[in-house]
Amino acid sequence: MKTLPFHRDEKTDRVTVTCADGEVSVYSHCAYCRHCIGVRVSKRVFPSPQRQAFLGVKQTGAPDEGLLNAAMMFNSLIRDGAAIECDDDADQGFSHLYRY
């Protein structure tokens, strides 16, 4: 597992990380990537809310509201966090979470 530190652009509120695909947005890539394990906030790693919500949908068929709430929680973690925990040790790059 690797830790990908955030690169913050204060002028545009853009947060990026250096991934196998190059410099990618945390909000549009990491949030929906199969390799995203969680967000590092200080010394603690919070699990990816989208991954947890998606597993809940697969198991229980929960409504889309759970996925929307997970996305909002992810954005809050990014605001407070410092890095993404990524399990892409093979350097495959972005792999969509919602595709089978």
PDB file of N, CA and C in Angstrom:
ATOM      1  N   MET A   1       0.849  -1.167   0.000  1.00  0.00           N
ATOM      2  CA  MET A   1       0.000   0.000   0.000  1.00  0.00           C
ATOM      3  C   MET A   1       0.896   1.231   0.000  1.00  0.00           C
ATOM      4  N   LYS A   2       0.449   2.270  -0.696  1.00  0.00           N
ATOM      5  CA  LYS A   2       1.224   3.506  -0.754  1.00  0.00           C
ATOM      6  C   LYS A   2       0.408   4.679  -0.213  1.00  0.00           C
ATOM      7  N   THR A   3       1.137   5.676   0.211  1.00  0.00           N
ATOM      8  CA  THR A   3       0.530   6.909   0.683  1.00  0.00           C
ATOM      9  C   THR A   3       0.831   7.987  -0.346  1.00  0.00           C
ATOM     10  N   LEU A   4      -0.227   8.585  -0.901  1.00  0.00           N
ATOM     11  CA  LEU A   4      -0.086   9.625  -1.914  1.00  0.00           C
ATOM     12  C   LEU A   4      -0.415  10.978  -1.279  1.00  0.00           C
ATOM     13  N   PRO A   5       0.590  11.815  -1.031  1.00  0.00           N
ATOM     14  CA  PRO A   5       0.334  13.113  -0.385  1.00  0.00           C
ATOM     15  C   PRO A   5      -0.435  14.072  -1.306  1.00  0.00           C
ATOM     16  N   PHE A   6      -1.227  14.928  -0.683  1.00  0.00           N
ATOM     17  CA  PHE A   6      -2.017  15.915  -1.429  1.00  0.00           C
ATOM     18  C   PHE A   6      -1.139  17.049  -1.928  1.00  0.00           C
ATOM     19  N   HIS A   7      -1.502  17.572  -3.093  1.00  0.00           N
ATOM     20  CA  HIS A   7      -0.938  18.799  -3.640  1.00  0.00           C
ATOM     21  C   HIS A   7      -2.116  19.771  -3.724  1.00  0.00           C
ATOM     22  N   ARG A   8      -2.120  20.768  -2.878  1.00  0.00           N
ATOM     23  CA  ARG A   8      -3.253  21.699  -2.807  1.00  0.00           C
ATOM     24  C   ARG A   8      -2.948  22.979  -3.575  1.00  0.00           C
ATOM     25  N   ASP A   9      -3.925  23.413  -4.374  1.00  0.00           N
ATOM     26  CA  ASP A   9      -3.857  24.701  -5.062  1.00  0.00           C
ATOM     27  C   ASP A   9      -4.897  25.592  -4.387  1.00  0.00           C
ATOM     28  N   GLU A  10      -4.444  26.493  -3.554  1.00  0.00           N
ATOM     29  CA  GLU A  10      -5.339  27.331  -2.753  1.00  0.00           C
ATOM     30  C   GLU A  10      -6.192  28.269  -3.604  1.00  0.00           C
ATOM     31  N   LYS A  11      -5.694  28.693  -4.760  1.00  0.00           N
ATOM     32  CA  LYS A  11      -6.442  29.629  -5.605  1.00  0.00           C
ATOM     33  C   LYS A  11      -7.683  28.988  -6.196  1.00  0.00           C
ATOM     34  N   THR A  12      -7.580  27.726  -6.613  1.00  0.00           N
ATOM     35  CA  THR A  12      -8.697  27.062  -7.292  1.00  0.00           C
ATOM     36  C   THR A  12      -9.370  26.000  -6.429  1.00  0.00           C
ATOM     37  N   ASP A  13      -8.915  25.824  -5.187  1.00  0.00           N
ATOM     38  CA  ASP A  13      -9.430  24.772  -4.297  1.00  0.00           C
ATOM     39  C   ASP A  13      -9.309  23.391  -4.916  1.00  0.00           C
ATOM     40  N   ARG A  14      -8.285  23.173  -5.717  1.00  0.00           N
ATOM     41  CA  ARG A  14      -8.049  21.882  -6.364  1.00  0.00           C
ATOM     42  C   ARG A  14      -7.059  21.086  -5.519  1.00  0.00           C
ATOM     43  N   VAL A  15      -7.371  19.813  -5.306  1.00  0.00           N
ATOM     44  CA  VAL A  15      -6.498  18.909  -4.569  1.00  0.00           C
ATOM     45  C   VAL A  15      -6.159  17.752  -5.496  1.00  0.00           C
ATOM     46  N   THR A  16      -4.865  17.519  -5.705  1.00  0.00           N
ATOM     47  CA  THR A  16      -4.427  16.461  -6.599  1.00  0.00           C
ATOM     48  C   THR A  16      -3.409  15.561  -5.901  1.00  0.00           C
ATOM     49  N   VAL A  17      -3.204  14.389  -6.497  1.00  0.00           N
ATOM     50  CA  VAL A  17      -2.155  13.464  -6.059  1.00  0.00           C
ATOM     51  C   VAL A  17      -1.434  12.958  -7.301  1.00  0.00           C
ATOM     52  N   THR A  18      -0.221  12.475  -7.112  1.00  0.00           N
ATOM     53  CA  THR A  18       0.534  11.890  -8.204  1.00  0.00           C
ATOM     54  C   THR A  18       0.250  10.392  -8.219  1.00  0.00           C
ATOM     55  N   CYS A  19      -0.467   9.970  -9.235  1.00  0.00           N
ATOM     56  CA  CYS A  19      -0.925   8.586  -9.400  1.00  0.00           C
ATOM     57  C   CYS A  19      -0.147   7.960 -10.556  1.00  0.00           C
ATOM     58  N   ALA A  20      -0.377   6.693 -10.830  1.00  0.00           N
ATOM     59  CA  ALA A  20       0.237   6.037 -11.990  1.00  0.00           C
ATOM     60  C   ALA A  20      -0.215   6.700 -13.289  1.00  0.00           C
ATOM     61  N   ASP A  21      -1.398   7.322 -13.277  1.00  0.00           N
ATOM     62  CA  ASP A  21      -1.933   8.031 -14.446  1.00  0.00           C
ATOM     63  C   ASP A  21      -1.387   9.448 -14.567  1.00  0.00           C
ATOM     64  N   GLY A  22      -0.574   9.885 -13.628  1.00  0.00           N
ATOM     65  CA  GLY A  22      -0.066  11.254 -13.604  1.00  0.00           C
ATOM     66  C   GLY A  22      -0.718  12.021 -12.469  1.00  0.00           C
ATOM     67  N   GLU A  23      -0.762  13.327 -12.588  1.00  0.00           N
ATOM     68  CA  GLU A  23      -1.371  14.193 -11.580  1.00  0.00           C
ATOM     69  C   GLU A  23      -2.889  14.178 -11.785  1.00  0.00           C
ATOM     70  N   VAL A  24      -3.625  13.633 -10.805  1.00  0.00           N
ATOM     71  CA  VAL A  24      -5.077  13.493 -10.944  1.00  0.00           C
ATOM     72  C   VAL A  24      -5.787  14.170  -9.776  1.00  0.00           C
ATOM     73  N   SER A  25      -7.014  14.579 -10.021  1.00  0.00           N
ATOM     74  CA  SER A  25      -7.839  15.205  -9.003  1.00  0.00           C
ATOM     75  C   SER A  25      -8.318  14.159  -8.000  1.00  0.00           C
ATOM     76  N   VAL A  26      -8.212  14.488  -6.736  1.00  0.00           N
ATOM     77  CA  VAL A  26      -8.679  13.593  -5.686  1.00  0.00           C
ATOM     78  C   VAL A  26     -10.202  13.466  -5.747  1.00  0.00           C
ATOM     79  N   TYR A  27     -10.871  14.580  -6.038  1.00  0.00           N
ATOM     80  CA  TYR A  27     -12.330  14.592  -6.035  1.00  0.00           C
ATOM     81  C   TYR A  27     -12.936  13.782  -7.170  1.00  0.00           C
ATOM     82  N   SER A  28     -12.327  13.776  -8.347  1.00  0.00           N
ATOM     83  CA  SER A  28     -12.936  13.071  -9.478  1.00  0.00           C
ATOM     84  C   SER A  28     -12.311  11.708  -9.764  1.00  0.00           C
ATOM     85  N   HIS A  29     -11.100  11.462  -9.301  1.00  0.00           N
ATOM     86  CA  HIS A  29     -10.455  10.176  -9.575  1.00  0.00           C
ATOM     87  C   HIS A  29     -10.387   9.299  -8.329  1.00  0.00           C
ATOM     88  N   CYS A  30      -9.703   9.746  -7.312  1.00  0.00           N
ATOM     89  CA  CYS A  30      -9.509   8.921  -6.112  1.00  0.00           C
ATOM     90  C   CYS A  30     -10.839   8.568  -5.450  1.00  0.00           C
ATOM     91  N   ALA A  31     -11.765   9.488  -5.455  1.00  0.00           N
ATOM     92  CA  ALA A  31     -13.054   9.250  -4.803  1.00  0.00           C
ATOM     93  C   ALA A  31     -13.780   8.057  -5.406  1.00  0.00           C
ATOM     94  N   TYR A  32     -13.574   7.791  -6.684  1.00  0.00           N
ATOM     95  CA  TYR A  32     -14.296   6.726  -7.370  1.00  0.00           C
ATOM     96  C   TYR A  32     -13.355   5.645  -7.895  1.00  0.00           C
ATOM     97  N   CYS A  33     -12.198   5.498  -7.262  1.00  0.00           N
ATOM     98  CA  CYS A  33     -11.199   4.515  -7.695  1.00  0.00           C
ATOM     99  C   CYS A  33     -11.252   3.286  -6.797  1.00  0.00           C
ATOM    100  N   ARG A  34     -11.151   2.142  -7.407  1.00  0.00           N
ATOM    101  CA  ARG A  34     -11.159   0.863  -6.698  1.00  0.00           C
ATOM    102  C   ARG A  34      -9.952   0.733  -5.757  1.00  0.00           C
ATOM    103  N   HIS A  35      -8.864   1.433  -6.050  1.00  0.00           N
ATOM    104  CA  HIS A  35      -7.641   1.314  -5.266  1.00  0.00           C
ATOM    105  C   HIS A  35      -7.615   2.203  -4.031  1.00  0.00           C
ATOM    106  N   CYS A  36      -8.548   3.143  -3.916  1.00  0.00           N
ATOM    107  CA  CYS A  36      -8.556   4.062  -2.773  1.00  0.00           C
ATOM    108  C   CYS A  36      -9.030   3.321  -1.517  1.00  0.00           C
ATOM    109  N   ILE A  37      -8.130   3.231  -0.545  1.00  0.00           N
ATOM    110  CA  ILE A  37      -8.443   2.555   0.710  1.00  0.00           C
ATOM    111  C   ILE A  37      -8.999   3.540   1.735  1.00  0.00           C
ATOM    112  N   GLY A  38      -8.457   4.746   1.746  1.00  0.00           N
ATOM    113  CA  GLY A  38      -8.917   5.723   2.716  1.00  0.00           C
ATOM    114  C   GLY A  38      -8.163   7.029   2.630  1.00  0.00           C
ATOM    115  N   VAL A  39      -8.493   7.912   3.561  1.00  0.00           N
ATOM    116  CA  VAL A  39      -7.891   9.245   3.611  1.00  0.00           C
ATOM    117  C   VAL A  39      -7.128   9.373   4.924  1.00  0.00           C
ATOM    118  N   ARG A  40      -5.879   9.805   4.832  1.00  0.00           N
ATOM    119  CA  ARG A  40      -5.058  10.019   6.021  1.00  0.00           C
ATOM    120  C   ARG A  40      -5.316  11.430   6.549  1.00  0.00           C
ATOM    121  N   VAL A  41      -5.829  11.481   7.763  1.00  0.00           N
ATOM    122  CA  VAL A  41      -6.054  12.743   8.466  1.00  0.00           C
ATOM    123  C   VAL A  41      -5.200  12.677   9.726  1.00  0.00           C
ATOM    124  N   SER A  42      -4.164  13.501   9.753  1.00  0.00           N
ATOM    125  CA  SER A  42      -3.172  13.479  10.831  1.00  0.00           C
ATOM    126  C   SER A  42      -2.511  12.102  10.850  1.00  0.00           C
ATOM    127  N   LYS A  43      -2.579  11.381  11.958  1.00  0.00           N
ATOM    128  CA  LYS A  43      -1.956  10.057  12.031  1.00  0.00           C
ATOM    129  C   LYS A  43      -2.939   8.929  11.763  1.00  0.00           C
ATOM    130  N   ARG A  44      -4.185   9.268  11.585  1.00  0.00           N
ATOM    131  CA  ARG A  44      -5.237   8.261  11.442  1.00  0.00           C
ATOM    132  C   ARG A  44      -5.680   8.124   9.988  1.00  0.00           C
ATOM    133  N   VAL A  45      -6.043   6.908   9.588  1.00  0.00           N
ATOM    134  CA  VAL A  45      -6.571   6.663   8.241  1.00  0.00           C
ATOM    135  C   VAL A  45      -8.052   6.328   8.362  1.00  0.00           C
ATOM    136  N   PHE A  46      -8.880   7.154   7.696  1.00  0.00           N
ATOM    137  CA  PHE A  46     -10.313   6.911   7.662  1.00  0.00           C
ATOM    138  C   PHE A  46     -10.641   6.127   6.399  1.00  0.00           C
ATOM    139  N   PRO A  47     -11.382   5.034   6.500  1.00  0.00           N
ATOM    140  CA  PRO A  47     -11.708   4.245   5.314  1.00  0.00           C
ATOM    141  C   PRO A  47     -12.520   5.059   4.311  1.00  0.00           C
ATOM    142  N   SER A  48     -12.382   4.703   3.046  1.00  0.00           N
ATOM    143  CA  SER A  48     -13.089   5.403   1.974  1.00  0.00           C
ATOM    144  C   SER A  48     -14.601   5.251   2.149  1.00  0.00           C
ATOM    145  N   PRO A  49     -15.319   6.351   2.335  1.00  0.00           N
ATOM    146  CA  PRO A  49     -16.775   6.264   2.513  1.00  0.00           C
ATOM    147  C   PRO A  49     -17.484   5.686   1.288  1.00  0.00           C
ATOM    148  N   GLN A  50     -16.986   5.992   0.079  1.00  0.00           N
ATOM    149  CA  GLN A  50     -17.619   5.473  -1.128  1.00  0.00           C
ATOM    150  C   GLN A  50     -17.516   3.955  -1.197  1.00  0.00           C
ATOM    151  N   ARG A  51     -16.364   3.429  -0.837  1.00  0.00           N
ATOM    152  CA  ARG A  51     -16.175   1.976  -0.868  1.00  0.00           C
ATOM    153  C   ARG A  51     -17.123   1.299   0.107  1.00  0.00           C
ATOM    154  N   GLN A  52     -17.233   1.852   1.316  1.00  0.00           N
ATOM    155  CA  GLN A  52     -18.130   1.279   2.316  1.00  0.00           C
ATOM    156  C   GLN A  52     -19.583   1.365   1.870  1.00  0.00           C
ATOM    157  N   ALA A  53     -19.980   2.497   1.298  1.00  0.00           N
ATOM    158  CA  ALA A  53     -21.354   2.661   0.833  1.00  0.00           C
ATOM    159  C   ALA A  53     -21.648   1.728  -0.335  1.00  0.00           C
ATOM    160  N   PHE A  54     -20.692   1.576  -1.233  1.00  0.00           N
ATOM    161  CA  PHE A  54     -20.869   0.701  -2.392  1.00  0.00           C
ATOM    162  C   PHE A  54     -21.024  -0.753  -1.954  1.00  0.00           C
ATOM    163  N   LEU A  55     -20.241  -1.181  -0.987  1.00  0.00           N
ATOM    164  CA  LEU A  55     -20.384  -2.542  -0.478  1.00  0.00           C
ATOM    165  C   LEU A  55     -21.752  -2.733   0.164  1.00  0.00           C
ATOM    166  N   GLY A  56     -22.236  -1.694   0.844  1.00  0.00           N
ATOM    167  CA  GLY A  56     -23.573  -1.758   1.429  1.00  0.00           C
ATOM    168  C   GLY A  56     -24.653  -1.864   0.372  1.00  0.00           C
ATOM    169  N   VAL A  57     -24.486  -1.146  -0.741  1.00  0.00           N
ATOM    170  CA  VAL A  57     -25.458  -1.203  -1.836  1.00  0.00           C
ATOM    171  C   VAL A  57     -25.452  -2.592  -2.464  1.00  0.00           C
ATOM    172  N   LYS A  58     -24.261  -3.151  -2.649  1.00  0.00           N
ATOM    173  CA  LYS A  58     -24.161  -4.480  -3.245  1.00  0.00           C
ATOM    174  C   LYS A  58     -24.804  -5.540  -2.353  1.00  0.00           C
ATOM    175  N   GLN A  59     -24.701  -5.371  -1.038  1.00  0.00           N
ATOM    176  CA  GLN A  59     -25.223  -6.367  -0.118  1.00  0.00           C
ATOM    177  C   GLN A  59     -26.710  -6.183   0.181  1.00  0.00           C
ATOM    178  N   THR A  60     -27.140  -4.935   0.343  1.00  0.00           N
ATOM    179  CA  THR A  60     -28.509  -4.687   0.776  1.00  0.00           C
ATOM    180  C   THR A  60     -29.380  -4.006  -0.262  1.00  0.00           C
ATOM    181  N   GLY A  61     -28.784  -3.468  -1.317  1.00  0.00           N
ATOM    182  CA  GLY A  61     -29.574  -2.742  -2.310  1.00  0.00           C
ATOM    183  C   GLY A  61     -30.051  -1.401  -1.791  1.00  0.00           C
ATOM    184  N   ALA A  62     -29.258  -0.755  -0.950  1.00  0.00           N
ATOM    185  CA  ALA A  62     -29.621   0.539  -0.354  1.00  0.00           C
ATOM    186  C   ALA A  62     -29.763   1.590  -1.453  1.00  0.00           C
ATOM    187  N   PRO A  63     -30.544   2.636  -1.207  1.00  0.00           N
ATOM    188  CA  PRO A  63     -30.759   3.677  -2.215  1.00  0.00           C
ATOM    189  C   PRO A  63     -29.515   4.515  -2.483  1.00  0.00           C
ATOM    190  N   ASP A  64     -29.597   5.298  -3.541  1.00  0.00           N
ATOM    191  CA  ASP A  64     -28.489   6.155  -3.946  1.00  0.00           C
ATOM    192  C   ASP A  64     -28.150   7.231  -2.927  1.00  0.00           C
ATOM    193  N   GLU A  65     -29.051   7.503  -2.020  1.00  0.00           N
ATOM    194  CA  GLU A  65     -28.799   8.528  -1.006  1.00  0.00           C
ATOM    195  C   GLU A  65     -27.567   8.183  -0.171  1.00  0.00           C
ATOM    196  N   GLY A  66     -27.345   6.913   0.080  1.00  0.00           N
ATOM    197  CA  GLY A  66     -26.167   6.487   0.828  1.00  0.00           C
ATOM    198  C   GLY A  66     -24.882   6.813   0.090  1.00  0.00           C
ATOM    199  N   LEU A  67     -24.901   6.644  -1.236  1.00  0.00           N
ATOM    200  CA  LEU A  67     -23.722   6.976  -2.034  1.00  0.00           C
ATOM    201  C   LEU A  67     -23.475   8.479  -2.058  1.00  0.00           C
ATOM    202  N   LEU A  68     -24.548   9.260  -2.112  1.00  0.00           N
ATOM    203  CA  LEU A  68     -24.414  10.719  -2.090  1.00  0.00           C
ATOM    204  C   LEU A  68     -23.843  11.186  -0.748  1.00  0.00           C
ATOM    205  N   ASN A  69     -24.336  10.623   0.336  1.00  0.00           N
ATOM    206  CA  ASN A  69     -23.809  10.976   1.659  1.00  0.00           C
ATOM    207  C   ASN A  69     -22.335  10.578   1.792  1.00  0.00           C
ATOM    208  N   ALA A  70     -21.971   9.447   1.203  1.00  0.00           N
ATOM    209  CA  ALA A  70     -20.579   9.007   1.244  1.00  0.00           C
ATOM    210  C   ALA A  70     -19.682   9.979   0.486  1.00  0.00           C
ATOM    211  N   ALA A  71     -20.151  10.486  -0.646  1.00  0.00           N
ATOM    212  CA  ALA A  71     -19.371  11.455  -1.421  1.00  0.00           C
ATOM    213  C   ALA A  71     -19.168  12.740  -0.620  1.00  0.00           C
ATOM    214  N   MET A  72     -20.195  13.180   0.076  1.00  0.00           N
ATOM    215  CA  MET A  72     -20.069  14.391   0.891  1.00  0.00           C
ATOM    216  C   MET A  72     -19.100  14.167   2.053  1.00  0.00           C
ATOM    217  N   MET A  73     -19.132  12.982   2.653  1.00  0.00           N
ATOM    218  CA  MET A  73     -18.209  12.656   3.736  1.00  0.00           C
ATOM    219  C   MET A  73     -16.772  12.600   3.223  1.00  0.00           C
ATOM    220  N   PHE A  74     -16.573  12.047   2.030  1.00  0.00           N
ATOM    221  CA  PHE A  74     -15.247  11.997   1.425  1.00  0.00           C
ATOM    222  C   PHE A  74     -14.698  13.403   1.231  1.00  0.00           C
ATOM    223  N   ASN A  75     -15.533  14.309   0.738  1.00  0.00           N
ATOM    224  CA  ASN A  75     -15.103  15.701   0.544  1.00  0.00           C
ATOM    225  C   ASN A  75     -14.684  16.346   1.863  1.00  0.00           C
ATOM    226  N   SER A  76     -15.385  16.038   2.936  1.00  0.00           N
ATOM    227  CA  SER A  76     -15.012  16.567   4.255  1.00  0.00           C
ATOM    228  C   SER A  76     -13.673  16.009   4.713  1.00  0.00           C
ATOM    229  N   LEU A  77     -13.450  14.726   4.463  1.00  0.00           N
ATOM    230  CA  LEU A  77     -12.176  14.120   4.839  1.00  0.00           C
ATOM    231  C   LEU A  77     -11.022  14.722   4.040  1.00  0.00           C
ATOM    232  N   ILE A  78     -11.255  15.006   2.759  1.00  0.00           N
ATOM    233  CA  ILE A  78     -10.218  15.608   1.916  1.00  0.00           C
ATOM    234  C   ILE A  78      -9.863  16.999   2.437  1.00  0.00           C
ATOM    235  N   ARG A  79     -10.871  17.748   2.853  1.00  0.00           N
ATOM    236  CA  ARG A  79     -10.629  19.096   3.375  1.00  0.00           C
ATOM    237  C   ARG A  79      -9.685  19.054   4.570  1.00  0.00           C
ATOM    238  N   ASP A  80      -9.844  18.053   5.442  1.00  0.00           N
ATOM    239  CA  ASP A  80      -9.057  17.959   6.659  1.00  0.00           C
ATOM    240  C   ASP A  80      -7.814  17.081   6.506  1.00  0.00           C
ATOM    241  N   GLY A  81      -7.755  16.297   5.437  1.00  0.00           N
ATOM    242  CA  GLY A  81      -6.713  15.288   5.298  1.00  0.00           C
ATOM    243  C   GLY A  81      -5.415  15.781   4.691  1.00  0.00           C
ATOM    244  N   ALA A  82      -4.463  14.843   4.614  1.00  0.00           N
ATOM    245  CA  ALA A  82      -3.139  15.151   4.082  1.00  0.00           C
ATOM    246  C   ALA A  82      -2.714  14.213   2.964  1.00  0.00           C
ATOM    247  N   ALA A  83      -3.362  13.031   2.865  1.00  0.00           N
ATOM    248  CA  ALA A  83      -2.930  12.052   1.866  1.00  0.00           C
ATOM    249  C   ALA A  83      -4.021  11.012   1.626  1.00  0.00           C
ATOM    250  N   ILE A  84      -3.857  10.290   0.518  1.00  0.00           N
ATOM    251  CA  ILE A  84      -4.727   9.165   0.160  1.00  0.00           C
ATOM    252  C   ILE A  84      -3.939   7.886   0.380  1.00  0.00           C
ATOM    253  N   GLU A  85      -4.581   6.897   0.970  1.00  0.00           N
ATOM    254  CA  GLU A  85      -3.986   5.567   1.082  1.00  0.00           C
ATOM    255  C   GLU A  85      -4.467   4.762  -0.125  1.00  0.00           C
ATOM    256  N   CYS A  86      -3.529   4.253  -0.897  1.00  0.00           N
ATOM    257  CA  CYS A  86      -3.833   3.608  -2.178  1.00  0.00           C
ATOM    258  C   CYS A  86      -3.215   2.213  -2.198  1.00  0.00           C
ATOM    259  N   ASP A  87      -3.980   1.212  -2.653  1.00  0.00           N
ATOM    260  CA  ASP A  87      -3.438  -0.150  -2.720  1.00  0.00           C
ATOM    261  C   ASP A  87      -3.015  -0.545  -4.139  1.00  0.00           C
ATOM    262  N   ASP A  88      -2.736   0.429  -4.979  1.00  0.00           N
ATOM    263  CA  ASP A  88      -2.317   0.182  -6.362  1.00  0.00           C
ATOM    264  C   ASP A  88      -0.806  -0.068  -6.422  1.00  0.00           C
ATOM    265  N   ASP A  89      -0.374  -1.183  -5.873  1.00  0.00           N
ATOM    266  CA  ASP A  89       1.051  -1.494  -5.854  1.00  0.00           C
ATOM    267  C   ASP A  89       1.572  -1.890  -7.231  1.00  0.00           C
ATOM    268  N   ALA A  90       0.686  -2.310  -8.130  1.00  0.00           N
ATOM    269  CA  ALA A  90       1.099  -2.719  -9.478  1.00  0.00           C
ATOM    270  C   ALA A  90       1.134  -1.536 -10.446  1.00  0.00           C
ATOM    271  N   ASP A  91       0.835  -0.319  -9.978  1.00  0.00           N
ATOM    272  CA  ASP A  91       0.812   0.898 -10.806  1.00  0.00           C
ATOM    273  C   ASP A  91      -0.092   0.754 -12.037  1.00  0.00           C
ATOM    274  N   GLN A  92      -1.310   0.284 -11.810  1.00  0.00           N
ATOM    275  CA  GLN A  92      -2.292   0.156 -12.886  1.00  0.00           C
ATOM    276  C   GLN A  92      -2.994   1.466 -13.165  1.00  0.00           C
ATOM    277  N   GLY A  93      -3.047   2.330 -12.196  1.00  0.00           N
ATOM    278  CA  GLY A  93      -3.753   3.598 -12.352  1.00  0.00           C
ATOM    279  C   GLY A  93      -5.224   3.475 -11.991  1.00  0.00           C
ATOM    280  N   PHE A  94      -5.989   4.435 -12.444  1.00  0.00           N
ATOM    281  CA  PHE A  94      -7.413   4.529 -12.085  1.00  0.00           C
ATOM    282  C   PHE A  94      -8.194   3.307 -12.560  1.00  0.00           C
ATOM    283  N   SER A  95      -8.973   2.737 -11.657  1.00  0.00           N
ATOM    284  CA  SER A  95      -9.876   1.641 -11.969  1.00  0.00           C
ATOM    285  C   SER A  95     -11.206   1.966 -11.299  1.00  0.00           C
ATOM    286  N   HIS A  96     -12.256   2.125 -12.081  1.00  0.00           N
ATOM    287  CA  HIS A  96     -13.536   2.630 -11.580  1.00  0.00           C
ATOM    288  C   HIS A  96     -14.138   1.682 -10.540  1.00  0.00           C
ATOM    289  N   LEU A  97     -14.552   2.245  -9.418  1.00  0.00           N
ATOM    290  CA  LEU A  97     -15.120   1.498  -8.306  1.00  0.00           C
ATOM    291  C   LEU A  97     -16.445   0.839  -8.658  1.00  0.00           C
ATOM    292  N   TYR A  98     -17.254   1.486  -9.467  1.00  0.00           N
ATOM    293  CA  TYR A  98     -18.617   0.999  -9.724  1.00  0.00           C
ATOM    294  C   TYR A  98     -18.729   0.058 -10.910  1.00  0.00           C
ATOM    295  N   ARG A  99     -17.645  -0.294 -11.546  1.00  0.00           N
ATOM    296  CA  ARG A  99     -17.696  -1.276 -12.640  1.00  0.00           C
ATOM    297  C   ARG A  99     -17.281  -2.628 -12.117  1.00  0.00           C
ATOM    298  N   TYR A 100     -17.934  -3.637 -12.600  1.00  0.00           N
ATOM    299  CA  TYR A 100     -17.629  -5.004 -12.156  1.00  0.00           C
ATOM    300  C   TYR A 100     -16.567  -5.623 -13.026  1.00  0.00           C
TER     301      TYR A 100
END
